[in-house]
């Protein structure tokens, strides 16, 4: 397992071999991580909020947001197409502007060539993927990743302090995870979710879920596929999921749907929408404002 960053941290609470993100805004710590569930290795990228190591905050515990495809979140050098979500810049700015409380953000790297297999919870003929491994992903997250982070960092307990999200297939597996693990995550970010996978089985499964996170940010572009008929189909799928969530009890203060006109299936679009997503999911006080299940921007 290789990584360009090689500066170790000086924190006594972090294990040996931890590296720092060299080009990230703020304190990004990169942990080599072995999964027994999948029998493979990846990195966990832990971004800490301003003031985390200050003496006056030594007893403070922080909300945490787990995001899939960790390579694409913080630094262009590790993103597969050289474009990042700018998670570090956005979170740092919103925290300093007191738009959101200080929080920890954990990027969980995908498994490279096995990414699709790990992010697919259902067998599929389009794309052809019969030996999927996505049903094990909730266990990776809940039984391995989360205990690791909670052991080494001051994470606030409870669903209201715990978020999960991703984009594309990373959003698909995030949706599946909250569907089969109710009560663990109170915040859910779904960017351009691949609801079409496995003949839309995740949409059908969502109709049976009775307990959803307290807040859900659901977004897609209107030009995701680059073909009018498929673009419309992807928007329709996202709007159907929003309707399912709304019928299950997520009123407009808990659910934000964004159809981003002209936006494509790309990290630049997810980066542009991330400030709205983070503000909606973690803003203190009222549960969001407006932007209910029929909102379009």
Protein backbone atom coordinates (compact mmCIF):
# COMPACT_ATOMS: atom_id res chain seq x y z
CA UNK A 1 0.00 0.00 0.00
CA UNK A 2 1.51 3.28 -1.13
CA UNK A 3 0.78 6.89 -0.30
CA UNK A 4 2.60 10.07 -1.24
CA UNK A 5 2.29 11.67 2.19
CA UNK A 6 4.90 10.51 4.69
CA UNK A 7 4.94 12.93 7.62
CA UNK A 8 4.04 11.21 10.87
CA UNK A 9 1.84 12.84 13.47
CA UNK A 10 3.09 13.67 16.92
CA UNK A 11 -0.08 12.64 18.75
CA UNK A 12 0.38 9.98 21.41
CA UNK A 13 -3.14 8.68 20.79
CA UNK A 14 -2.59 7.74 17.16
CA UNK A 15 -0.89 4.49 16.07
CA UNK A 16 2.51 4.25 14.39
CA UNK A 17 2.62 4.86 10.64
CA UNK A 18 0.05 7.64 10.56
CA UNK A 19 0.73 10.23 7.85
CA UNK A 20 -0.43 13.78 7.25
CA UNK A 21 -2.05 15.14 4.13
CA UNK A 22 0.55 17.49 2.72
CA UNK A 23 -1.76 19.66 0.62
CA UNK A 24 -4.93 19.52 2.73
CA UNK A 25 -6.38 22.50 4.54
CA UNK A 26 -6.13 21.85 8.26
CA UNK A 27 -5.13 18.62 9.98
CA UNK A 28 -5.63 15.55 7.76
CA UNK A 29 -4.31 12.30 9.24
CA UNK A 30 -3.98 9.25 7.02
CA UNK A 31 -4.13 5.82 8.66
CA UNK A 32 -3.16 2.55 6.99
CA UNK A 33 -6.09 0.25 7.73
CA UNK A 34 -6.56 -3.50 7.36
CA UNK A 35 -10.05 -4.98 7.11
CA UNK A 36 -10.50 -8.51 8.38
CA UNK A 37 -14.00 -8.57 6.93
CA UNK A 38 -12.73 -7.99 3.39
CA UNK A 39 -9.19 -9.23 3.90
CA UNK A 40 -7.66 -6.17 2.25
CA UNK A 41 -5.94 -2.86 3.01
CA UNK A 42 -6.93 0.74 2.45
CA UNK A 43 -6.41 4.16 4.01
CA UNK A 44 -8.69 6.03 6.40
CA UNK A 45 -8.37 9.82 6.01
CA UNK A 46 -9.33 11.59 9.23
CA UNK A 47 -9.80 15.36 9.02
CA UNK A 48 -9.83 17.12 12.38
CA UNK A 49 -11.58 20.46 12.98
CA UNK A 50 -9.76 23.68 13.96
CA UNK A 51 -8.81 23.63 17.62
CA UNK A 52 -9.07 19.86 18.08
CA UNK A 53 -5.66 19.63 19.76
CA UNK A 54 -6.01 22.83 21.81
CA UNK A 55 -5.74 22.29 25.55
CA UNK A 56 -9.12 23.92 26.23
CA UNK A 57 -10.80 21.32 23.98
CA UNK A 58 -9.15 18.27 25.53
CA UNK A 59 -12.44 17.02 26.97
CA UNK A 60 -14.57 17.93 23.96
CA UNK A 61 -16.13 15.24 21.77
CA UNK A 62 -17.11 15.91 18.16
CA UNK A 63 -19.77 14.81 15.66
CA UNK A 64 -18.38 12.70 12.83
CA UNK A 65 -19.22 12.30 9.16
CA UNK A 66 -18.04 9.17 7.35
CA UNK A 67 -17.70 9.50 3.57
CA UNK A 68 -16.99 6.79 1.00
CA UNK A 69 -14.40 7.08 -1.79
CA UNK A 70 -12.02 8.80 0.61
CA UNK A 71 -9.36 9.27 -2.09
CA UNK A 72 -11.51 11.88 -3.80
CA UNK A 73 -12.38 14.11 -0.84
CA UNK A 74 -9.38 16.12 0.33
CA UNK A 75 -6.49 16.27 -2.13
CA UNK A 76 -6.35 16.32 -5.96
CA UNK A 77 -3.21 14.15 -6.01
CA UNK A 78 -5.16 11.16 -4.69
CA UNK A 79 -8.41 11.73 -6.60
CA UNK A 80 -8.74 9.39 -9.57
CA UNK A 81 -9.43 12.27 -11.98
CA UNK A 82 -7.45 14.98 -10.20
CA UNK A 83 -10.58 16.76 -8.92
CA UNK A 84 -11.47 16.63 -5.21
CA UNK A 85 -14.61 17.41 -3.23
CA UNK A 86 -12.77 20.16 -1.30
CA UNK A 87 -14.16 18.70 1.89
CA UNK A 88 -11.36 20.14 4.01
CA UNK A 89 -11.64 23.69 2.65
CA UNK A 90 -15.44 23.69 2.92
CA UNK A 91 -15.60 22.25 6.44
CA UNK A 92 -12.86 24.57 7.69
CA UNK A 93 -14.67 27.63 6.30
CA UNK A 94 -18.12 26.67 7.61
CA UNK A 95 -16.75 25.90 11.07
CA UNK A 96 -14.84 29.20 11.27
CA UNK A 97 -17.97 31.06 10.09
CA UNK A 98 -19.95 29.21 12.80
CA UNK A 99 -22.36 27.82 10.22
CA UNK A 100 -21.80 24.31 11.58
CA UNK A 101 -20.26 23.00 14.81
CA UNK A 102 -16.71 21.63 14.70
CA UNK A 103 -16.82 18.04 13.45
CA UNK A 104 -14.54 15.21 12.38
CA UNK A 105 -14.75 13.94 8.79
CA UNK A 106 -13.50 10.46 7.93
CA UNK A 107 -12.84 9.46 4.34
CA UNK A 108 -12.91 5.69 3.83
CA UNK A 109 -10.85 4.81 0.77
CA UNK A 110 -12.43 2.51 -1.76
CA UNK A 111 -10.76 -0.80 -2.62
CA UNK A 112 -9.52 0.21 -6.07
CA UNK A 113 -10.20 -2.59 -8.54
CA UNK A 114 -12.73 -4.10 -6.12
CA UNK A 115 -14.61 -0.83 -5.61
CA UNK A 116 -17.67 -1.80 -7.64
CA UNK A 117 -17.90 -5.22 -6.02
CA UNK A 118 -17.71 -3.76 -2.50
CA UNK A 119 -20.20 -0.98 -3.22
CA UNK A 120 -22.81 -3.25 -4.87
CA UNK A 121 -25.15 -4.88 -2.32
CA UNK A 122 -27.27 -6.71 -4.90
CA UNK A 123 -26.40 -8.99 -7.80
CA UNK A 124 -26.68 -7.15 -11.07
CA UNK A 125 -26.89 -7.84 -14.80
CA UNK A 126 -26.31 -4.18 -15.65
CA UNK A 127 -23.53 -3.76 -14.85
CA UNK A 128 -22.77 -7.49 -14.83
CA UNK A 129 -21.78 -8.17 -11.24
CA UNK A 130 -22.89 -11.51 -9.81
CA UNK A 131 -20.35 -12.00 -7.01
CA UNK A 132 -21.04 -8.78 -5.13
CA UNK A 133 -19.73 -8.03 -1.64
CA UNK A 134 -21.75 -4.98 -0.64
CA UNK A 135 -23.79 -6.81 1.99
CA UNK A 136 -20.59 -6.95 4.06
CA UNK A 137 -19.93 -3.22 3.82
CA UNK A 138 -22.11 -2.21 6.80
CA UNK A 139 -20.06 -4.59 8.95
CA UNK A 140 -16.81 -3.07 7.67
CA UNK A 141 -18.06 0.35 8.67
CA UNK A 142 -19.83 -0.41 11.95
CA UNK A 143 -17.62 -3.20 13.32
CA UNK A 144 -14.20 -2.10 12.05
CA UNK A 145 -13.95 1.51 10.87
CA UNK A 146 -16.11 3.19 13.48
CA UNK A 147 -14.52 1.43 16.50
CA UNK A 148 -11.07 2.32 15.12
CA UNK A 149 -11.98 6.00 14.81
CA UNK A 150 -13.72 6.09 18.17
CA UNK A 151 -10.67 4.53 19.84
CA UNK A 152 -8.23 7.09 18.48
CA UNK A 153 -10.36 10.25 18.32
CA UNK A 154 -12.84 12.04 20.55
CA UNK A 155 -16.06 11.17 18.76
CA UNK A 156 -19.43 12.15 20.22
CA UNK A 157 -21.73 9.14 20.63
CA UNK A 158 -25.17 8.54 19.21
CA UNK A 159 -26.92 8.68 15.85
CA UNK A 160 -27.55 12.44 16.01
CA UNK A 161 -23.76 12.94 16.02
CA UNK A 162 -23.00 10.39 13.29
CA UNK A 163 -23.32 10.87 9.54
CA UNK A 164 -22.64 8.76 6.45
CA UNK A 165 -22.47 9.66 2.79
CA UNK A 166 -21.03 9.18 -0.63
CA UNK A 167 -21.53 9.72 -4.32
CA UNK A 168 -22.50 7.43 -7.18
CA UNK A 169 -21.97 3.81 -6.05
CA UNK A 170 -20.58 5.25 -2.82
CA UNK A 171 -24.01 6.79 -2.24
CA UNK A 172 -25.70 3.52 -3.17
CA UNK A 173 -23.84 1.61 -0.47
CA UNK A 174 -24.43 4.42 2.04
CA UNK A 175 -28.18 4.19 1.38
CA UNK A 176 -28.05 0.40 1.74
CA UNK A 177 -26.09 0.69 4.98
CA UNK A 178 -28.62 2.96 6.70
CA UNK A 179 -31.47 0.81 5.37
CA UNK A 180 -30.14 -2.36 7.02
CA UNK A 181 -28.62 -0.67 10.09
CA UNK A 182 -31.32 1.59 11.52
CA UNK A 183 -30.49 3.84 14.43
CA UNK A 184 -26.74 4.04 13.80
CA UNK A 185 -26.60 7.11 11.54
CA UNK A 186 -28.58 10.28 12.04
CA UNK A 187 -27.27 12.17 8.99
CA UNK A 188 -27.20 10.85 5.40
CA UNK A 189 -25.62 12.46 2.32
CA UNK A 190 -26.53 10.95 -1.06
CA UNK A 191 -24.88 12.57 -4.08
CA UNK A 192 -25.87 11.27 -7.54
CA UNK A 193 -26.79 7.86 -6.10
CA UNK A 194 -26.62 4.93 -8.57
CA UNK A 195 -30.22 3.91 -7.92
CA UNK A 196 -30.41 2.26 -11.35
CA UNK A 197 -27.99 -0.51 -10.30
CA UNK A 198 -29.34 -4.06 -10.03
CA UNK A 199 -32.56 -3.03 -11.75
CA UNK A 200 -33.37 -0.43 -9.07
CA UNK A 201 -33.52 -3.00 -6.28
CA UNK A 202 -32.40 -0.43 -3.69
CA UNK A 203 -35.45 1.69 -4.52
CA UNK A 204 -37.76 -1.25 -3.90
CA UNK A 205 -35.91 -2.09 -0.70
CA UNK A 206 -36.26 1.51 0.50
CA UNK A 207 -40.05 1.20 0.46
CA UNK A 208 -39.85 -1.29 3.33
CA UNK A 209 -37.60 0.81 5.59
CA UNK A 210 -39.40 2.28 8.58
CA UNK A 211 -36.60 4.19 10.30
CA UNK A 212 -34.47 6.70 8.41
CA UNK A 213 -31.78 9.14 9.60
CA UNK A 214 -32.96 12.39 11.13
CA UNK A 215 -31.73 14.44 8.16
CA UNK A 216 -31.11 13.41 4.55
CA UNK A 217 -29.50 15.49 1.80
CA UNK A 218 -30.29 13.96 -1.60
CA UNK A 219 -28.95 15.51 -4.79
CA UNK A 220 -28.41 14.79 -8.47
CA UNK A 221 -27.58 16.70 -11.61
CA UNK A 222 -29.95 17.03 -14.53
CA UNK A 223 -27.23 15.94 -16.98
CA UNK A 224 -25.72 12.98 -15.14
CA UNK A 225 -25.59 10.50 -18.02
CA UNK A 226 -25.08 12.78 -21.02
CA UNK A 227 -28.13 11.42 -22.83
CA UNK A 228 -31.58 13.00 -22.43
CA UNK A 229 -33.53 9.80 -21.80
CA UNK A 230 -31.05 8.46 -19.23
CA UNK A 231 -30.69 11.91 -17.65
CA UNK A 232 -34.44 12.03 -17.11
CA UNK A 233 -34.50 8.48 -15.77
CA UNK A 234 -31.83 9.25 -13.16
CA UNK A 235 -33.67 12.37 -12.01
CA UNK A 236 -36.92 10.38 -11.84
CA UNK A 237 -35.25 7.72 -9.69
CA UNK A 238 -33.95 10.31 -7.22
CA UNK A 239 -37.33 12.03 -7.04
CA UNK A 240 -39.00 8.66 -6.43
CA UNK A 241 -36.60 7.98 -3.57
CA UNK A 242 -37.37 11.43 -2.14
CA UNK A 243 -41.09 10.62 -2.31
CA UNK A 244 -40.48 7.34 -0.47
CA UNK A 245 -38.56 9.16 2.26
CA UNK A 246 -41.25 11.81 2.49
CA UNK A 247 -44.02 9.22 2.87
CA UNK A 248 -42.03 7.50 5.61
CA UNK A 249 -42.10 10.68 7.69
CA UNK A 250 -39.23 12.87 6.53
CA UNK A 251 -40.92 16.23 6.18
CA UNK A 252 -39.26 19.16 4.43
CA UNK A 253 -37.26 20.20 7.50
CA UNK A 254 -35.58 16.77 7.53
CA UNK A 255 -35.20 16.10 3.81
CA UNK A 256 -33.46 18.27 1.24
CA UNK A 257 -33.76 17.31 -2.43
CA UNK A 258 -31.63 19.18 -4.94
CA UNK A 259 -31.83 18.69 -8.71
CA UNK A 260 -28.87 20.67 -9.98
CA UNK A 261 -29.71 21.96 -13.45
CA UNK A 262 -27.00 21.16 -16.01
CA UNK A 263 -24.76 19.39 -13.50
CA UNK A 264 -23.00 16.20 -14.55
CA UNK A 265 -21.80 13.09 -12.71
CA UNK A 266 -18.53 14.58 -11.49
CA UNK A 267 -16.55 15.50 -8.38
CA UNK A 268 -16.75 19.17 -9.30
CA UNK A 269 -20.54 19.07 -8.96
CA UNK A 270 -20.36 17.24 -5.63
CA UNK A 271 -17.79 19.76 -4.39
CA UNK A 272 -20.04 22.67 -5.41
CA UNK A 273 -23.01 21.21 -3.52
CA UNK A 274 -21.05 20.10 -0.46
CA UNK A 275 -21.39 23.41 1.45
CA UNK A 276 -25.19 23.18 1.23
CA UNK A 277 -25.11 19.51 2.18
CA UNK A 278 -22.87 19.98 5.19
CA UNK A 279 -24.83 23.02 6.41
CA UNK A 280 -28.16 21.22 6.10
CA UNK A 281 -27.00 18.02 7.76
CA UNK A 282 -25.08 19.49 10.70
CA UNK A 283 -26.38 23.02 11.29
CA UNK A 284 -27.25 23.55 14.93
CA UNK A 285 -30.69 24.69 16.02
CA UNK A 286 -33.60 24.13 13.66
CA UNK A 287 -33.59 21.09 11.40
CA UNK A 288 -32.62 22.84 8.18
CA UNK A 289 -34.75 25.42 6.48
CA UNK A 290 -37.04 24.95 3.53
CA UNK A 291 -35.88 22.99 0.52
CA UNK A 292 -38.37 20.15 0.92
CA UNK A 293 -38.83 17.09 -1.25
CA UNK A 294 -39.90 19.07 -4.29
CA UNK A 295 -37.14 21.65 -4.25
CA UNK A 296 -35.15 22.17 -7.46
CA UNK A 297 -32.18 24.42 -8.00
